[in-house]
Protein backbone atom coordinates (compact mmCIF):
# COMPACT_ATOMS: atom_id res chain seq x y z
CA UNK A 1 0.00 0.00 0.00
CA UNK A 2 1.43 3.34 -1.00
CA UNK A 3 1.67 5.62 2.03
CA UNK A 4 0.85 8.64 -0.17
CA UNK A 5 -2.63 7.29 -0.97
CA UNK A 6 -3.27 6.32 2.64
CA UNK A 7 -6.24 7.91 4.36
CA UNK A 8 -5.14 6.92 7.86
CA UNK A 9 -1.83 5.85 9.37
CA UNK A 10 -1.06 4.83 12.92
CA UNK A 11 1.71 2.95 14.69
CA UNK A 12 1.13 0.00 16.98
CA UNK A 13 3.69 -1.70 19.19
CA UNK A 14 4.14 -5.18 17.69
CA UNK A 15 5.78 -6.34 20.93
CA UNK A 16 2.99 -5.08 23.20
CA UNK A 17 0.79 -8.12 22.86
CA UNK A 18 -1.54 -9.55 20.28
CA UNK A 19 -1.08 -7.88 16.91
CA UNK A 20 -4.68 -8.74 16.10
CA UNK A 21 -6.02 -7.00 19.22
CA UNK A 22 -3.89 -3.93 18.57
CA UNK A 23 -5.05 -3.85 14.96
CA UNK A 24 -8.72 -4.16 15.94
CA UNK A 25 -8.31 -1.22 18.34
CA UNK A 26 -6.87 0.91 15.53
CA UNK A 27 -9.75 -0.07 13.23
CA UNK A 28 -12.34 0.67 15.92
CA UNK A 29 -10.81 4.11 16.46
CA UNK A 30 -10.74 4.78 12.71
CA UNK A 31 -14.36 3.70 12.27
CA UNK A 32 -15.42 5.44 15.50
CA UNK A 33 -17.12 2.26 16.70
CA UNK A 34 -16.67 0.11 19.79
CA UNK A 35 -14.40 -2.89 19.27
CA UNK A 36 -17.26 -5.27 20.04
CA UNK A 37 -19.31 -3.80 17.15
CA UNK A 38 -16.70 -4.77 14.54
CA UNK A 39 -17.03 -8.06 12.68
CA UNK A 40 -14.59 -10.81 13.67
CA UNK A 41 -11.29 -10.26 11.88
CA UNK A 42 -11.16 -14.00 11.21
CA UNK A 43 -13.85 -13.45 8.55
CA UNK A 44 -11.24 -11.52 6.53
CA UNK A 45 -7.87 -13.02 7.39
CA UNK A 46 -6.33 -15.92 9.30
CA UNK A 47 -5.26 -14.02 12.41
CA UNK A 48 -2.87 -16.75 13.58
CA UNK A 49 -1.12 -16.68 10.21
CA UNK A 50 -1.03 -12.87 10.32
CA UNK A 51 0.70 -12.92 13.70
CA UNK A 52 3.11 -15.63 12.58
CA UNK A 53 4.08 -13.75 9.41
CA UNK A 54 4.55 -10.43 11.22
CA UNK A 55 6.30 -11.73 14.33
CA UNK A 56 7.74 -15.09 13.30
CA UNK A 57 7.18 -18.43 14.99
CA UNK A 58 9.53 -17.58 17.86
CA UNK A 59 7.52 -14.51 18.88
CA UNK A 60 10.40 -12.28 17.81
CA UNK A 61 9.99 -9.63 15.12
CA UNK A 62 10.75 -10.88 11.64
CA UNK A 63 14.08 -9.97 10.10
CA UNK A 64 13.44 -7.21 7.62
CA UNK A 65 10.13 -5.48 7.23
CA UNK A 66 7.14 -7.60 6.29
CA UNK A 67 3.90 -6.04 5.05
CA UNK A 68 0.51 -7.69 4.83
CA UNK A 69 -2.55 -6.18 3.13
CA UNK A 70 -6.16 -7.34 3.28
CA UNK A 71 -9.72 -6.07 3.10
CA UNK A 72 -11.73 -5.84 6.31
CA UNK A 73 -15.15 -4.32 7.01
CA UNK A 74 -15.21 -2.31 3.76
CA UNK A 75 -11.69 -0.83 4.11
CA UNK A 76 -8.28 -1.91 2.81
CA UNK A 77 -5.80 -2.48 5.64
CA UNK A 78 -2.04 -2.72 5.54
CA UNK A 79 0.11 -3.67 8.51
CA UNK A 80 3.87 -4.08 8.79
CA UNK A 81 6.13 -5.97 11.15
CA UNK A 82 7.48 -2.57 12.25
CA UNK A 83 4.01 -1.67 13.58
CA UNK A 84 2.77 0.62 10.81
CA UNK A 85 -0.96 0.37 10.09
CA UNK A 86 -2.47 1.95 6.97
CA UNK A 87 -6.18 2.17 6.23
CA UNK A 88 -7.58 3.11 2.84
CA UNK A 89 -11.24 3.55 1.96
CA UNK A 90 -12.26 2.02 -1.38
CA UNK A 91 -12.64 4.42 -4.28
CA UNK A 92 -16.36 5.16 -4.49
CA UNK A 93 -16.18 7.26 -7.64
CA UNK A 94 -18.03 6.12 -10.70
CA UNK A 95 -16.01 6.33 -13.88
C-alpha atoms as a PDB file:
ATOM      1  CA  UNK A   1       0.000   0.000   0.000  1.00  0.00           C
ATOM      2  CA  UNK A   2       1.435   3.339  -1.004  1.00  0.00           C
ATOM      3  CA  UNK A   3       1.675   5.621   2.031  1.00  0.00           C
ATOM      4  CA  UNK A   4       0.851   8.636  -0.168  1.00  0.00           C
ATOM      5  CA  UNK A   5      -2.630   7.288  -0.974  1.00  0.00           C
ATOM      6  CA  UNK A   6      -3.272   6.319   2.643  1.00  0.00           C
ATOM      7  CA  UNK A   7      -6.241   7.907   4.359  1.00  0.00           C
ATOM      8  CA  UNK A   8      -5.144   6.916   7.856  1.00  0.00           C
ATOM      9  CA  UNK A   9      -1.829   5.855   9.372  1.00  0.00           C
ATOM     10  CA  UNK A  10      -1.060   4.828  12.915  1.00  0.00           C
ATOM     11  CA  UNK A  11       1.709   2.954  14.689  1.00  0.00           C
ATOM     12  CA  UNK A  12       1.134  -0.004  16.983  1.00  0.00           C
ATOM     13  CA  UNK A  13       3.693  -1.699  19.190  1.00  0.00           C
ATOM     14  CA  UNK A  14       4.137  -5.177  17.691  1.00  0.00           C
ATOM     15  CA  UNK A  15       5.783  -6.336  20.931  1.00  0.00           C
ATOM     16  CA  UNK A  16       2.987  -5.082  23.197  1.00  0.00           C
ATOM     17  CA  UNK A  17       0.785  -8.122  22.855  1.00  0.00           C
ATOM     18  CA  UNK A  18      -1.538  -9.554  20.283  1.00  0.00           C
ATOM     19  CA  UNK A  19      -1.076  -7.879  16.910  1.00  0.00           C
ATOM     20  CA  UNK A  20      -4.684  -8.736  16.104  1.00  0.00           C
ATOM     21  CA  UNK A  21      -6.019  -7.004  19.219  1.00  0.00           C
ATOM     22  CA  UNK A  22      -3.888  -3.932  18.573  1.00  0.00           C
ATOM     23  CA  UNK A  23      -5.047  -3.846  14.955  1.00  0.00           C
ATOM     24  CA  UNK A  24      -8.721  -4.155  15.944  1.00  0.00           C
ATOM     25  CA  UNK A  25      -8.307  -1.225  18.343  1.00  0.00           C
ATOM     26  CA  UNK A  26      -6.872   0.914  15.526  1.00  0.00           C
ATOM     27  CA  UNK A  27      -9.749  -0.070  13.225  1.00  0.00           C
ATOM     28  CA  UNK A  28     -12.340   0.674  15.921  1.00  0.00           C
ATOM     29  CA  UNK A  29     -10.807   4.107  16.457  1.00  0.00           C
ATOM     30  CA  UNK A  30     -10.736   4.780  12.706  1.00  0.00           C
ATOM     31  CA  UNK A  31     -14.361   3.698  12.269  1.00  0.00           C
ATOM     32  CA  UNK A  32     -15.418   5.443  15.501  1.00  0.00           C
ATOM     33  CA  UNK A  33     -17.119   2.258  16.704  1.00  0.00           C
ATOM     34  CA  UNK A  34     -16.667   0.106  19.792  1.00  0.00           C
ATOM     35  CA  UNK A  35     -14.403  -2.895  19.265  1.00  0.00           C
ATOM     36  CA  UNK A  36     -17.257  -5.271  20.037  1.00  0.00           C
ATOM     37  CA  UNK A  37     -19.307  -3.799  17.150  1.00  0.00           C
ATOM     38  CA  UNK A  38     -16.704  -4.768  14.542  1.00  0.00           C
ATOM     39  CA  UNK A  39     -17.027  -8.063  12.677  1.00  0.00           C
ATOM     40  CA  UNK A  40     -14.587 -10.806  13.669  1.00  0.00           C
ATOM     41  CA  UNK A  41     -11.289 -10.260  11.880  1.00  0.00           C
ATOM     42  CA  UNK A  42     -11.157 -14.002  11.210  1.00  0.00           C
ATOM     43  CA  UNK A  43     -13.848 -13.450   8.551  1.00  0.00           C
ATOM     44  CA  UNK A  44     -11.243 -11.523   6.526  1.00  0.00           C
ATOM     45  CA  UNK A  45      -7.870 -13.022   7.391  1.00  0.00           C
ATOM     46  CA  UNK A  46      -6.334 -15.920   9.299  1.00  0.00           C
ATOM     47  CA  UNK A  47      -5.262 -14.024  12.413  1.00  0.00           C
ATOM     48  CA  UNK A  48      -2.874 -16.754  13.585  1.00  0.00           C
ATOM     49  CA  UNK A  49      -1.115 -16.683  10.212  1.00  0.00           C
ATOM     50  CA  UNK A  50      -1.026 -12.868  10.321  1.00  0.00           C
ATOM     51  CA  UNK A  51       0.702 -12.920  13.703  1.00  0.00           C
ATOM     52  CA  UNK A  52       3.115 -15.626  12.576  1.00  0.00           C
ATOM     53  CA  UNK A  53       4.084 -13.747   9.413  1.00  0.00           C
ATOM     54  CA  UNK A  54       4.551 -10.433  11.220  1.00  0.00           C
ATOM     55  CA  UNK A  55       6.299 -11.734  14.332  1.00  0.00           C
ATOM     56  CA  UNK A  56       7.735 -15.091  13.296  1.00  0.00           C
ATOM     57  CA  UNK A  57       7.181 -18.431  14.991  1.00  0.00           C
ATOM     58  CA  UNK A  58       9.525 -17.581  17.856  1.00  0.00           C
ATOM     59  CA  UNK A  59       7.523 -14.508  18.876  1.00  0.00           C
ATOM     60  CA  UNK A  60      10.404 -12.282  17.808  1.00  0.00           C
ATOM     61  CA  UNK A  61       9.990  -9.634  15.125  1.00  0.00           C
ATOM     62  CA  UNK A  62      10.749 -10.876  11.638  1.00  0.00           C
ATOM     63  CA  UNK A  63      14.077  -9.968  10.098  1.00  0.00           C
ATOM     64  CA  UNK A  64      13.445  -7.208   7.617  1.00  0.00           C
ATOM     65  CA  UNK A  65      10.128  -5.479   7.230  1.00  0.00           C
ATOM     66  CA  UNK A  66       7.139  -7.602   6.293  1.00  0.00           C
ATOM     67  CA  UNK A  67       3.904  -6.035   5.047  1.00  0.00           C
ATOM     68  CA  UNK A  68       0.505  -7.691   4.826  1.00  0.00           C
ATOM     69  CA  UNK A  69      -2.548  -6.178   3.130  1.00  0.00           C
ATOM     70  CA  UNK A  70      -6.159  -7.336   3.284  1.00  0.00           C
ATOM     71  CA  UNK A  71      -9.723  -6.074   3.099  1.00  0.00           C
ATOM     72  CA  UNK A  72     -11.731  -5.838   6.312  1.00  0.00           C
ATOM     73  CA  UNK A  73     -15.153  -4.322   7.013  1.00  0.00           C
ATOM     74  CA  UNK A  74     -15.209  -2.312   3.760  1.00  0.00           C
ATOM     75  CA  UNK A  75     -11.687  -0.835   4.110  1.00  0.00           C
ATOM     76  CA  UNK A  76      -8.281  -1.906   2.811  1.00  0.00           C
ATOM     77  CA  UNK A  77      -5.805  -2.485   5.640  1.00  0.00           C
ATOM     78  CA  UNK A  78      -2.036  -2.724   5.536  1.00  0.00           C
ATOM     79  CA  UNK A  79       0.107  -3.671   8.506  1.00  0.00           C
ATOM     80  CA  UNK A  80       3.867  -4.085   8.795  1.00  0.00           C
ATOM     81  CA  UNK A  81       6.129  -5.973  11.150  1.00  0.00           C
ATOM     82  CA  UNK A  82       7.477  -2.572  12.252  1.00  0.00           C
ATOM     83  CA  UNK A  83       4.013  -1.670  13.577  1.00  0.00           C
ATOM     84  CA  UNK A  84       2.766   0.623  10.811  1.00  0.00           C
ATOM     85  CA  UNK A  85      -0.956   0.367  10.087  1.00  0.00           C
ATOM     86  CA  UNK A  86      -2.475   1.950   6.973  1.00  0.00           C
ATOM     87  CA  UNK A  87      -6.182   2.168   6.225  1.00  0.00           C
ATOM     88  CA  UNK A  88      -7.579   3.106   2.843  1.00  0.00           C
ATOM     89  CA  UNK A  89     -11.238   3.554   1.959  1.00  0.00           C
ATOM     90  CA  UNK A  90     -12.255   2.025  -1.378  1.00  0.00           C
ATOM     91  CA  UNK A  91     -12.638   4.418  -4.282  1.00  0.00           C
ATOM     92  CA  UNK A  92     -16.361   5.157  -4.491  1.00  0.00           C
ATOM     93  CA  UNK A  93     -16.175   7.259  -7.636  1.00  0.00           C
ATOM     94  CA  UNK A  94     -18.031   6.121 -10.702  1.00  0.00           C
ATOM     95  CA  UNK A  95     -16.007   6.330 -13.879  1.00  0.00           C
END
